[in-house]
Amino acid sequence: MRRVPLDERGSVTAEFAVAVPAVIIVLALAVGVLGSAATAVRLQHVSAESARLLGRGDDARALAAAGEIGASISVSRRDGLVCVDASAPVPLSVPLPPVSAHACALDGGG
């Protein structure tokens, strides 16, 4: 009896077609996480800068610094400190929660 050879033409193409969407999803999530981390660093810097500016009484520059990166801030003053809570959405359209940061500085009574 003679064996019929199996035809394997196209198997690499099929495996590639199955693997590509998974690779694309992993790359998209990796880019989203890196964008989120970069936003978190910028947001922490802006919240600390805004807290220092608000402590000196320079409210306009503090709000402008937060507005430059599209962050929304809330300010609270208590016990001689001015605290800033800032949040901003992740810049890419990946399903990640918004990024937030918190910073406090001495309140100069401004």
PDB file of N, CA and C in Angstrom:
ATOM      1  N   MET A   1       0.800  -1.181   0.000  1.00  0.00           N
ATOM      2  CA  MET A   1       0.000   0.000   0.000  1.00  0.00           C
ATOM      3  C   MET A   1       0.849   1.252   0.000  1.00  0.00           C
ATOM      4  N   ARG A   2       0.345   2.140  -0.721  1.00  0.00           N
ATOM      5  CA  ARG A   2       1.055   3.399  -0.856  1.00  0.00           C
ATOM      6  C   ARG A   2       0.425   4.448   0.045  1.00  0.00           C
ATOM      7  N   ARG A   3       1.263   5.208   0.773  1.00  0.00           N
ATOM      8  CA  ARG A   3       0.752   6.276   1.644  1.00  0.00           C
ATOM      9  C   ARG A   3       0.502   7.531   0.843  1.00  0.00           C
ATOM     10  N   VAL A   4      -0.576   8.163   1.136  1.00  0.00           N
ATOM     11  CA  VAL A   4      -0.884   9.424   0.471  1.00  0.00           C
ATOM     12  C   VAL A   4      -0.175  10.535   1.243  1.00  0.00           C
ATOM     13  N   PRO A   5       0.698  11.305   0.600  1.00  0.00           N
ATOM     14  CA  PRO A   5       1.395  12.382   1.319  1.00  0.00           C
ATOM     15  C   PRO A   5       0.395  13.479   1.720  1.00  0.00           C
ATOM     16  N   LEU A   6       0.583  13.953   2.943  1.00  0.00           N
ATOM     17  CA  LEU A   6      -0.275  15.046   3.422  1.00  0.00           C
ATOM     18  C   LEU A   6       0.206  16.363   2.828  1.00  0.00           C
ATOM     19  N   ASP A   7      -0.719  17.158   2.423  1.00  0.00           N
ATOM     20  CA  ASP A   7      -0.393  18.447   1.820  1.00  0.00           C
ATOM     21  C   ASP A   7      -0.301  19.502   2.924  1.00  0.00           C
ATOM     22  N   GLU A   8       0.878  20.032   3.158  1.00  0.00           N
ATOM     23  CA  GLU A   8       1.087  21.011   4.219  1.00  0.00           C
ATOM     24  C   GLU A   8       1.247  22.421   3.679  1.00  0.00           C
ATOM     25  N   ARG A   9       0.961  22.601   2.422  1.00  0.00           N
ATOM     26  CA  ARG A   9       1.074  23.943   1.866  1.00  0.00           C
ATOM     27  C   ARG A   9       0.034  24.852   2.521  1.00  0.00           C
ATOM     28  N   GLY A  10       0.463  26.044   2.925  1.00  0.00           N
ATOM     29  CA  GLY A  10      -0.452  27.010   3.522  1.00  0.00           C
ATOM     30  C   GLY A  10      -0.532  26.926   5.033  1.00  0.00           C
ATOM     31  N   SER A  11       0.092  25.951   5.650  1.00  0.00           N
ATOM     32  CA  SER A  11       0.000  25.831   7.109  1.00  0.00           C
ATOM     33  C   SER A  11       0.726  26.973   7.809  1.00  0.00           C
ATOM     34  N   VAL A  12       1.840  27.417   7.263  1.00  0.00           N
ATOM     35  CA  VAL A  12       2.561  28.545   7.857  1.00  0.00           C
ATOM     36  C   VAL A  12       1.728  29.812   7.754  1.00  0.00           C
ATOM     37  N   THR A  13       1.061  29.995   6.653  1.00  0.00           N
ATOM     38  CA  THR A  13       0.201  31.166   6.475  1.00  0.00           C
ATOM     39  C   THR A  13      -0.946  31.148   7.479  1.00  0.00           C
ATOM     40  N   ALA A  14      -1.532  30.008   7.701  1.00  0.00           N
ATOM     41  CA  ALA A  14      -2.637  29.897   8.659  1.00  0.00           C
ATOM     42  C   ALA A  14      -2.157  30.167  10.079  1.00  0.00           C
ATOM     43  N   GLU A  15      -1.006  29.624  10.445  1.00  0.00           N
ATOM     44  CA  GLU A  15      -0.466  29.877  11.786  1.00  0.00           C
ATOM     45  C   GLU A  15      -0.126  31.350  11.961  1.00  0.00           C
ATOM     46  N   PHE A  16       0.425  31.951  10.940  1.00  0.00           N
ATOM     47  CA  PHE A  16       0.749  33.377  10.992  1.00  0.00           C
ATOM     48  C   PHE A  16      -0.523  34.216  11.153  1.00  0.00           C
ATOM     49  N   ALA A  17      -1.573  33.855  10.437  1.00  0.00           N
ATOM     50  CA  ALA A  17      -2.841  34.590  10.514  1.00  0.00           C
ATOM     51  C   ALA A  17      -3.466  34.468  11.897  1.00  0.00           C
ATOM     52  N   VAL A  18      -3.229  33.393  12.589  1.00  0.00           N
ATOM     53  CA  VAL A  18      -3.759  33.226  13.946  1.00  0.00           C
ATOM     54  C   VAL A  18      -2.912  33.995  14.952  1.00  0.00           C
ATOM     55  N   ALA A  19      -1.606  34.058  14.756  1.00  0.00           N
ATOM     56  CA  ALA A  19      -0.708  34.687  15.716  1.00  0.00           C
ATOM     57  C   ALA A  19      -0.670  36.212  15.609  1.00  0.00           C
ATOM     58  N   VAL A  20      -0.870  36.770  14.445  1.00  0.00           N
ATOM     59  CA  VAL A  20      -0.746  38.214  14.249  1.00  0.00           C
ATOM     60  C   VAL A  20      -1.707  39.030  15.128  1.00  0.00           C
ATOM     61  N   PRO A  21      -2.991  38.697  15.226  1.00  0.00           N
ATOM     62  CA  PRO A  21      -3.854  39.502  16.097  1.00  0.00           C
ATOM     63  C   PRO A  21      -3.405  39.500  17.559  1.00  0.00           C
ATOM     64  N   ALA A  22      -2.915  38.388  18.054  1.00  0.00           N
ATOM     65  CA  ALA A  22      -2.433  38.335  19.430  1.00  0.00           C
ATOM     66  C   ALA A  22      -1.217  39.238  19.621  1.00  0.00           C
ATOM     67  N   VAL A  23      -0.324  39.233  18.656  1.00  0.00           N
ATOM     68  CA  VAL A  23       0.863  40.087  18.737  1.00  0.00           C
ATOM     69  C   VAL A  23       0.468  41.550  18.677  1.00  0.00           C
ATOM     70  N   ILE A  24      -0.480  41.888  17.840  1.00  0.00           N
ATOM     71  CA  ILE A  24      -0.939  43.276  17.731  1.00  0.00           C
ATOM     72  C   ILE A  24      -1.581  43.730  19.033  1.00  0.00           C
ATOM     73  N   ILE A  25      -2.380  42.895  19.655  1.00  0.00           N
ATOM     74  CA  ILE A  25      -3.013  43.247  20.927  1.00  0.00           C
ATOM     75  C   ILE A  25      -1.975  43.460  22.015  1.00  0.00           C
ATOM     76  N   VAL A  26      -0.996  42.585  22.094  1.00  0.00           N
ATOM     77  CA  VAL A  26       0.062  42.739  23.102  1.00  0.00           C
ATOM     78  C   VAL A  26       0.848  44.021  22.867  1.00  0.00           C
ATOM     79  N   LEU A  27       1.171  44.335  21.619  1.00  0.00           N
ATOM     80  CA  LEU A  27       1.894  45.570  21.318  1.00  0.00           C
ATOM     81  C   LEU A  27       1.060  46.804  21.657  1.00  0.00           C
ATOM     82  N   ALA A  28      -0.234  46.770  21.355  1.00  0.00           N
ATOM     83  CA  ALA A  28      -1.101  47.907  21.672  1.00  0.00           C
ATOM     84  C   ALA A  28      -1.190  48.129  23.179  1.00  0.00           C
ATOM     85  N   LEU A  29      -1.323  47.058  23.931  1.00  0.00           N
ATOM     86  CA  LEU A  29      -1.360  47.205  25.384  1.00  0.00           C
ATOM     87  C   LEU A  29      -0.025  47.697  25.935  1.00  0.00           C
ATOM     88  N   ALA A  30       1.078  47.236  25.365  1.00  0.00           N
ATOM     89  CA  ALA A  30       2.388  47.700  25.817  1.00  0.00           C
ATOM     90  C   ALA A  30       2.564  49.194  25.552  1.00  0.00           C
ATOM     91  N   VAL A  31       2.150  49.637  24.382  1.00  0.00           N
ATOM     92  CA  VAL A  31       2.224  51.068  24.073  1.00  0.00           C
ATOM     93  C   VAL A  31       1.309  51.857  24.998  1.00  0.00           C
ATOM     94  N   GLY A  32       0.132  51.322  25.301  1.00  0.00           N
ATOM     95  CA  GLY A  32      -0.781  51.989  26.221  1.00  0.00           C
ATOM     96  C   GLY A  32      -0.219  52.105  27.623  1.00  0.00           C
ATOM     97  N   VAL A  33       0.419  51.056  28.097  1.00  0.00           N
ATOM     98  CA  VAL A  33       1.018  51.097  29.433  1.00  0.00           C
ATOM     99  C   VAL A  33       2.178  52.088  29.466  1.00  0.00           C
ATOM    100  N   LEU A  34       2.994  52.120  28.421  1.00  0.00           N
ATOM    101  CA  LEU A  34       4.085  53.098  28.371  1.00  0.00           C
ATOM    102  C   LEU A  34       3.546  54.531  28.322  1.00  0.00           C
ATOM    103  N   GLY A  35       2.477  54.746  27.552  1.00  0.00           N
ATOM    104  CA  GLY A  35       1.850  56.074  27.515  1.00  0.00           C
ATOM    105  C   GLY A  35       1.269  56.454  28.859  1.00  0.00           C
ATOM    106  N   SER A  36       0.686  55.489  29.546  1.00  0.00           N
ATOM    107  CA  SER A  36       0.143  55.738  30.872  1.00  0.00           C
ATOM    108  C   SER A  36       1.245  56.085  31.869  1.00  0.00           C
ATOM    109  N   ALA A  37       2.361  55.392  31.793  1.00  0.00           N
ATOM    110  CA  ALA A  37       3.487  55.687  32.680  1.00  0.00           C
ATOM    111  C   ALA A  37       4.056  57.073  32.410  1.00  0.00           C
ATOM    112  N   ALA A  38       4.173  57.441  31.151  1.00  0.00           N
ATOM    113  CA  ALA A  38       4.671  58.774  30.811  1.00  0.00           C
ATOM    114  C   ALA A  38       3.713  59.852  31.299  1.00  0.00           C
ATOM    115  N   THR A  39       2.424  59.601  31.171  1.00  0.00           N
ATOM    116  CA  THR A  39       1.428  60.557  31.663  1.00  0.00           C
ATOM    117  C   THR A  39       1.508  60.665  33.179  1.00  0.00           C
ATOM    118  N   ALA A  40       1.723  59.560  33.869  1.00  0.00           N
ATOM    119  CA  ALA A  40       1.830  59.577  35.326  1.00  0.00           C
ATOM    120  C   ALA A  40       3.026  60.409  35.781  1.00  0.00           C
ATOM    121  N   VAL A  41       4.148  60.297  35.081  1.00  0.00           N
ATOM    122  CA  VAL A  41       5.331  61.082  35.442  1.00  0.00           C
ATOM    123  C   VAL A  41       5.069  62.569  35.221  1.00  0.00           C
ATOM    124  N   ARG A  42       4.490  62.912  34.061  1.00  0.00           N
ATOM    125  CA  ARG A  42       4.160  64.321  33.789  1.00  0.00           C
ATOM    126  C   ARG A  42       3.167  64.852  34.802  1.00  0.00           C
ATOM    127  N   LEU A  43       2.172  64.040  35.146  1.00  0.00           N
ATOM    128  CA  LEU A  43       1.128  64.471  36.073  1.00  0.00           C
ATOM    129  C   LEU A  43       1.691  64.684  37.478  1.00  0.00           C
ATOM    130  N   GLN A  44       2.599  63.825  37.906  1.00  0.00           N
ATOM    131  CA  GLN A  44       3.220  64.010  39.224  1.00  0.00           C
ATOM    132  C   GLN A  44       4.040  65.294  39.254  1.00  0.00           C
ATOM    133  N   HIS A  45       4.762  65.556  38.172  1.00  0.00           N
ATOM    134  CA  HIS A  45       5.543  66.785  38.095  1.00  0.00           C
ATOM    135  C   HIS A  45       4.638  68.018  38.130  1.00  0.00           C
ATOM    136  N   VAL A  46       3.548  67.985  37.369  1.00  0.00           N
ATOM    137  CA  VAL A  46       2.635  69.129  37.312  1.00  0.00           C
ATOM    138  C   VAL A  46       1.932  69.334  38.651  1.00  0.00           C
ATOM    139  N   SER A  47       1.548  68.262  39.316  1.00  0.00           N
ATOM    140  CA  SER A  47       0.865  68.428  40.600  1.00  0.00           C
ATOM    141  C   SER A  47       1.810  69.006  41.647  1.00  0.00           C
ATOM    142  N   ALA A  48       3.078  68.579  41.658  1.00  0.00           N
ATOM    143  CA  ALA A  48       4.044  69.143  42.602  1.00  0.00           C
ATOM    144  C   ALA A  48       4.320  70.613  42.291  1.00  0.00           C
ATOM    145  N   GLU A  49       4.466  70.918  41.004  1.00  0.00           N
ATOM    146  CA  GLU A  49       4.702  72.314  40.608  1.00  0.00           C
ATOM    147  C   GLU A  49       3.499  73.185  40.943  1.00  0.00           C
ATOM    148  N   SER A  50       2.295  72.682  40.694  1.00  0.00           N
ATOM    149  CA  SER A  50       1.093  73.451  41.005  1.00  0.00           C
ATOM    150  C   SER A  50       0.954  73.675  42.497  1.00  0.00           C
ATOM    151  N   ALA A  51       1.283  72.690  43.309  1.00  0.00           N
ATOM    152  CA  ALA A  51       1.202  72.852  44.758  1.00  0.00           C
ATOM    153  C   ALA A  51       2.181  73.929  45.228  1.00  0.00           C
ATOM    154  N   ARG A  52       3.391  73.916  44.687  1.00  0.00           N
ATOM    155  CA  ARG A  52       4.366  74.950  45.068  1.00  0.00           C
ATOM    156  C   ARG A  52       3.895  76.334  44.627  1.00  0.00           C
ATOM    157  N   LEU A  53       3.369  76.430  43.404  1.00  0.00           N
ATOM    158  CA  LEU A  53       2.898  77.734  42.916  1.00  0.00           C
ATOM    159  C   LEU A  53       1.703  78.229  43.729  1.00  0.00           C
ATOM    160  N   LEU A  54       0.786  77.349  44.072  1.00  0.00           N
ATOM    161  CA  LEU A  54      -0.352  77.747  44.889  1.00  0.00           C
ATOM    162  C   LEU A  54       0.093  78.153  46.287  1.00  0.00           C
ATOM    163  N   GLY A  55       1.101  77.500  46.817  1.00  0.00           N
ATOM    164  CA  GLY A  55       1.635  77.874  48.126  1.00  0.00           C
ATOM    165  C   GLY A  55       2.252  79.255  48.114  1.00  0.00           C
ATOM    166  N   ARG A  56       2.788  79.671  46.986  1.00  0.00           N
ATOM    167  CA  ARG A  56       3.351  81.022  46.855  1.00  0.00           C
ATOM    168  C   ARG A  56       2.298  82.057  46.494  1.00  0.00           C
ATOM    169  N   GLY A  57       1.084  81.605  46.163  1.00  0.00           N
ATOM    170  CA  GLY A  57       0.022  82.540  45.822  1.00  0.00           C
ATOM    171  C   GLY A  57      -0.107  82.812  44.340  1.00  0.00           C
ATOM    172  N   ASP A  58       0.543  82.045  43.503  1.00  0.00           N
ATOM    173  CA  ASP A  58       0.496  82.239  42.060  1.00  0.00           C
ATOM    174  C   ASP A  58      -0.516  81.268  41.442  1.00  0.00           C
ATOM    175  N   ASP A  59      -1.805  81.547  41.674  1.00  0.00           N
ATOM    176  CA  ASP A  59      -2.865  80.636  41.251  1.00  0.00           C
ATOM    177  C   ASP A  59      -2.970  80.518  39.733  1.00  0.00           C
ATOM    178  N   ALA A  60      -2.779  81.619  39.017  1.00  0.00           N
ATOM    179  CA  ALA A  60      -2.940  81.600  37.565  1.00  0.00           C
ATOM    180  C   ALA A  60      -1.916  80.677  36.906  1.00  0.00           C
ATOM    181  N   ARG A  61      -0.660  80.752  37.332  1.00  0.00           N
ATOM    182  CA  ARG A  61       0.366  79.882  36.735  1.00  0.00           C
ATOM    183  C   ARG A  61       0.153  78.422  37.113  1.00  0.00           C
ATOM    184  N   ALA A  62      -0.385  78.176  38.312  1.00  0.00           N
ATOM    185  CA  ALA A  62      -0.642  76.795  38.736  1.00  0.00           C
ATOM    186  C   ALA A  62      -1.718  76.161  37.864  1.00  0.00           C
ATOM    187  N   LEU A  63      -2.772  76.903  37.601  1.00  0.00           N
ATOM    188  CA  LEU A  63      -3.844  76.372  36.751  1.00  0.00           C
ATOM    189  C   LEU A  63      -3.383  76.228  35.302  1.00  0.00           C
ATOM    190  N   ALA A  64      -2.540  77.150  34.855  1.00  0.00           N
ATOM    191  CA  ALA A  64      -2.026  77.069  33.488  1.00  0.00           C
ATOM    192  C   ALA A  64      -1.119  75.855  33.318  1.00  0.00           C
ATOM    193  N   ALA A  65      -0.324  75.541  34.335  1.00  0.00           N
ATOM    194  CA  ALA A  65       0.565  74.379  34.248  1.00  0.00           C
ATOM    195  C   ALA A  65      -0.251  73.096  34.126  1.00  0.00           C
ATOM    196  N   ALA A  66      -1.339  73.006  34.859  1.00  0.00           N
ATOM    197  CA  ALA A  66      -2.190  71.815  34.772  1.00  0.00           C
ATOM    198  C   ALA A  66      -2.922  71.768  33.436  1.00  0.00           C
ATOM    199  N   GLY A  67      -3.325  72.908  32.929  1.00  0.00           N
ATOM    200  CA  GLY A  67      -4.042  72.957  31.667  1.00  0.00           C
ATOM    201  C   GLY A  67      -3.189  72.585  30.467  1.00  0.00           C
ATOM    202  N   GLU A  68      -1.876  72.771  30.572  1.00  0.00           N
ATOM    203  CA  GLU A  68      -0.988  72.453  29.447  1.00  0.00           C
ATOM    204  C   GLU A  68      -1.005  70.979  29.084  1.00  0.00           C
ATOM    205  N   ILE A  69      -1.190  70.114  30.073  1.00  0.00           N
ATOM    206  CA  ILE A  69      -1.192  68.678  29.778  1.00  0.00           C
ATOM    207  C   ILE A  69      -2.603  68.100  29.802  1.00  0.00           C
ATOM    208  N   GLY A  70      -3.600  68.947  29.944  1.00  0.00           N
ATOM    209  CA  GLY A  70      -4.981  68.482  29.919  1.00  0.00           C
ATOM    210  C   GLY A  70      -5.431  67.819  31.209  1.00  0.00           C
ATOM    211  N   ALA A  71      -4.815  68.218  32.315  1.00  0.00           N
ATOM    212  CA  ALA A  71      -5.158  67.628  33.613  1.00  0.00           C
ATOM    213  C   ALA A  71      -6.215  68.463  34.306  1.00  0.00           C
ATOM    214  N   SER A  72      -7.011  67.798  35.110  1.00  0.00           N
ATOM    215  CA  SER A  72      -7.946  68.518  35.980  1.00  0.00           C
ATOM    216  C   SER A  72      -7.416  68.400  37.405  1.00  0.00           C
ATOM    217  N   ILE A  73      -7.457  69.521  38.140  1.00  0.00           N
ATOM    218  CA  ILE A  73      -6.912  69.511  39.497  1.00  0.00           C
ATOM    219  C   ILE A  73      -7.960  69.951  40.492  1.00  0.00           C
ATOM    220  N   SER A  74      -7.804  69.481  41.718  1.00  0.00           N
ATOM    221  CA  SER A  74      -8.596  69.973  42.840  1.00  0.00           C
ATOM    222  C   SER A  74      -7.615  70.357  43.940  1.00  0.00           C
ATOM    223  N   VAL A  75      -7.911  71.461  44.594  1.00  0.00           N
ATOM    224  CA  VAL A  75      -6.998  72.040  45.579  1.00  0.00           C
ATOM    225  C   VAL A  75      -7.656  72.008  46.948  1.00  0.00           C
ATOM    226  N   SER A  76      -6.880  71.630  47.953  1.00  0.00           N
ATOM    227  CA  SER A  76      -7.369  71.697  49.336  1.00  0.00           C
ATOM    228  C   SER A  76      -6.274  72.311  50.201  1.00  0.00           C
ATOM    229  N   ARG A  77      -6.697  73.165  51.125  1.00  0.00           N
ATOM    230  CA  ARG A  77      -5.754  73.815  52.044  1.00  0.00           C
ATOM    231  C   ARG A  77      -6.141  73.428  53.462  1.00  0.00           C
ATOM    232  N   ARG A  78      -5.176  72.842  54.190  1.00  0.00           N
ATOM    233  CA  ARG A  78      -5.420  72.494  55.585  1.00  0.00           C
ATOM    234  C   ARG A  78      -4.087  72.310  56.305  1.00  0.00           C
ATOM    235  N   ASP A  79      -4.085  72.673  57.561  1.00  0.00           N
ATOM    236  CA  ASP A  79      -2.923  72.491  58.437  1.00  0.00           C
ATOM    237  C   ASP A  79      -1.650  73.099  57.867  1.00  0.00           C
ATOM    238  N   GLY A  80      -1.741  74.255  57.241  1.00  0.00           N
ATOM    239  CA  GLY A  80      -0.566  74.928  56.705  1.00  0.00           C
ATOM    240  C   GLY A  80      -0.024  74.329  55.425  1.00  0.00           C
ATOM    241  N   LEU A  81      -0.800  73.437  54.805  1.00  0.00           N
ATOM    242  CA  LEU A  81      -0.387  72.822  53.548  1.00  0.00           C
ATOM    243  C   LEU A  81      -1.407  73.119  52.458  1.00  0.00           C
ATOM    244  N   VAL A  82      -0.941  73.201  51.250  1.00  0.00           N
ATOM    245  CA  VAL A  82      -1.817  73.243  50.093  1.00  0.00           C
ATOM    246  C   VAL A  82      -1.564  71.954  49.320  1.00  0.00           C
ATOM    247  N   CYS A  83      -2.629  71.188  49.111  1.00  0.00           N
ATOM    248  CA  CYS A  83      -2.514  69.894  48.442  1.00  0.00           C
ATOM    249  C   CYS A  83      -3.260  69.928  47.118  1.00  0.00           C
ATOM    250  N   VAL A  84      -2.676  69.304  46.125  1.00  0.00           N
ATOM    251  CA  VAL A  84      -3.254  69.254  44.789  1.00  0.00           C
ATOM    252  C   VAL A  84      -3.467  67.797  44.403  1.00  0.00           C
ATOM    253  N   ASP A  85      -4.690  67.479  44.002  1.00  0.00           N
ATOM    254  CA  ASP A  85      -5.006  66.180  43.420  1.00  0.00           C
ATOM    255  C   ASP A  85      -5.247  66.416  41.937  1.00  0.00           C
ATOM    256  N   ALA A  86      -4.470  65.763  41.110  1.00  0.00           N
ATOM    257  CA  ALA A  86      -4.582  65.943  39.664  1.00  0.00           C
ATOM    258  C   ALA A  86      -4.912  64.614  39.004  1.00  0.00           C
ATOM    259  N   SER A  87      -5.699  64.682  37.948  1.00  0.00           N
ATOM    260  CA  SER A  87      -5.997  63.476  37.172  1.00  0.00           C
ATOM    261  C   SER A  87      -6.057  63.842  35.695  1.00  0.00           C
ATOM    262  N   ALA A  88      -5.721  62.850  34.881  1.00  0.00           N
ATOM    263  CA  ALA A  88      -5.717  63.043  33.433  1.00  0.00           C
ATOM    264  C   ALA A  88      -5.997  61.708  32.777  1.00  0.00           C
ATOM    265  N   PRO A  89      -6.673  61.724  31.640  1.00  0.00           N
ATOM    266  CA  PRO A  89      -6.911  60.459  30.926  1.00  0.00           C
ATOM    267  C   PRO A  89      -5.644  59.971  30.233  1.00  0.00           C
ATOM    268  N   VAL A  90      -5.611  58.688  29.988  1.00  0.00           N
ATOM    269  CA  VAL A  90      -4.497  58.106  29.240  1.00  0.00           C
ATOM    270  C   VAL A  90      -4.597  58.614  27.798  1.00  0.00           C
ATOM    271  N   PRO A  91      -3.493  59.086  27.200  1.00  0.00           N
ATOM    272  CA  PRO A  91      -3.577  59.717  25.886  1.00  0.00           C
ATOM    273  C   PRO A  91      -4.008  58.802  24.746  1.00  0.00           C
ATOM    274  N   LEU A  92      -3.792  57.518  24.865  1.00  0.00           N
ATOM    275  CA  LEU A  92      -4.159  56.596  23.795  1.00  0.00           C
ATOM    276  C   LEU A  92      -5.496  55.955  24.115  1.00  0.00           C
ATOM    277  N   SER A  93      -6.167  55.488  23.102  1.00  0.00           N
ATOM    278  CA  SER A  93      -7.479  54.878  23.339  1.00  0.00           C
ATOM    279  C   SER A  93      -7.338  53.396  23.656  1.00  0.00           C
ATOM    280  N   VAL A  94      -6.772  53.132  24.816  1.00  0.00           N
ATOM    281  CA  VAL A  94      -6.682  51.761  25.333  1.00  0.00           C
ATOM    282  C   VAL A  94      -7.489  51.708  26.622  1.00  0.00           C
ATOM    283  N   PRO A  95      -8.025  50.559  26.966  1.00  0.00           N
ATOM    284  CA  PRO A  95      -8.894  50.479  28.141  1.00  0.00           C
ATOM    285  C   PRO A  95      -8.115  50.501  29.459  1.00  0.00           C
ATOM    286  N   LEU A  96      -7.547  51.650  29.780  1.00  0.00           N
ATOM    287  CA  LEU A  96      -6.836  51.827  31.033  1.00  0.00           C
ATOM    288  C   LEU A  96      -7.506  52.946  31.819  1.00  0.00           C
ATOM    289  N   PRO A  97      -7.492  52.869  33.152  1.00  0.00           N
ATOM    290  CA  PRO A  97      -8.127  53.926  33.950  1.00  0.00           C
ATOM    291  C   PRO A  97      -7.333  55.226  33.867  1.00  0.00           C
ATOM    292  N   PRO A  98      -7.973  56.352  34.200  1.00  0.00           N
ATOM    293  CA  PRO A  98      -7.241  57.622  34.199  1.00  0.00           C
ATOM    294  C   PRO A  98      -6.107  57.594  35.229  1.00  0.00           C
ATOM    295  N   VAL A  99      -5.116  58.412  34.992  1.00  0.00           N
ATOM    296  CA  VAL A  99      -3.953  58.494  35.870  1.00  0.00           C
ATOM    297  C   VAL A  99      -4.185  59.622  36.856  1.00  0.00           C
ATOM    298  N   SER A 100      -3.752  59.434  38.099  1.00  0.00           N
ATOM    299  CA  SER A 100      -3.906  60.486  39.093  1.00  0.00           C
ATOM    300  C   SER A 100      -2.619  60.672  39.876  1.00  0.00           C
ATOM    301  N   ALA A 101      -2.467  61.861  40.481  1.00  0.00           N
ATOM    302  CA  ALA A 101      -1.283  62.175  41.276  1.00  0.00           C
ATOM    303  C   ALA A 101      -1.708  63.103  42.409  1.00  0.00           C
ATOM    304  N   HIS A 102      -0.931  63.098  43.474  1.00  0.00           N
ATOM    305  CA  HIS A 102      -1.228  63.909  44.651  1.00  0.00           C
ATOM    306  C   HIS A 102       0.085  64.538  45.118  1.00  0.00           C
ATOM    307  N   ALA A 103       0.051  65.821  45.424  1.00  0.00           N
ATOM    308  CA  ALA A 103       1.244  66.505  45.925  1.00  0.00           C
ATOM    309  C   ALA A 103       0.831  67.606  46.891  1.00  0.00           C
ATOM    310  N   CYS A 104       1.675  67.869  47.882  1.00  0.00           N
ATOM    311  CA  CYS A 104       1.418  68.928  48.860  1.00  0.00           C
ATOM    312  C   CYS A 104       2.660  69.803  48.984  1.00  0.00           C
ATOM    313  N   ALA A 105       2.430  71.066  49.375  1.00  0.00           N
ATOM    314  CA  ALA A 105       3.510  71.996  49.609  1.00  0.00           C
ATOM    315  C   ALA A 105       3.085  72.911  50.757  1.00  0.00           C
ATOM    316  N   LEU A 106       4.048  73.583  51.357  1.00  0.00           N
ATOM    317  CA  LEU A 106       3.732  74.531  52.427  1.00  0.00           C
ATOM    318  C   LEU A 106       2.921  75.679  51.871  1.00  0.00           C
ATOM    319  N   ASP A 107       1.924  76.076  52.622  1.00  0.00           N
ATOM    320  CA  ASP A 107       1.060  77.180  52.205  1.00  0.00           C
ATOM    321  C   ASP A 107       1.627  78.470  52.771  1.00  0.00           C
ATOM    322  N   GLY A 108       1.999  79.364  51.868  1.00  0.00           N
ATOM    323  CA  GLY A 108       2.566  80.626  52.283  1.00  0.00           C
ATOM    324  C   GLY A 108       1.526  81.667  52.650  1.00  0.00           C
ATOM    325  N   GLY A 109       0.260  81.265  52.645  1.00  0.00           N
ATOM    326  CA  GLY A 109      -0.798  82.192  53.009  1.00  0.00           C
ATOM    327  C   GLY A 109      -1.264  83.051  51.865  1.00  0.00           C
ATOM    328  N   GLY A 110      -0.952  82.648  50.624  1.00  0.00           N
ATOM    329  CA  GLY A 110      -1.316  83.424  49.447  1.00  0.00           C
ATOM    330  C   GLY A 110      -2.727  83.259  49.144  1.00  0.00           C
TER     331      GLY A 110
END
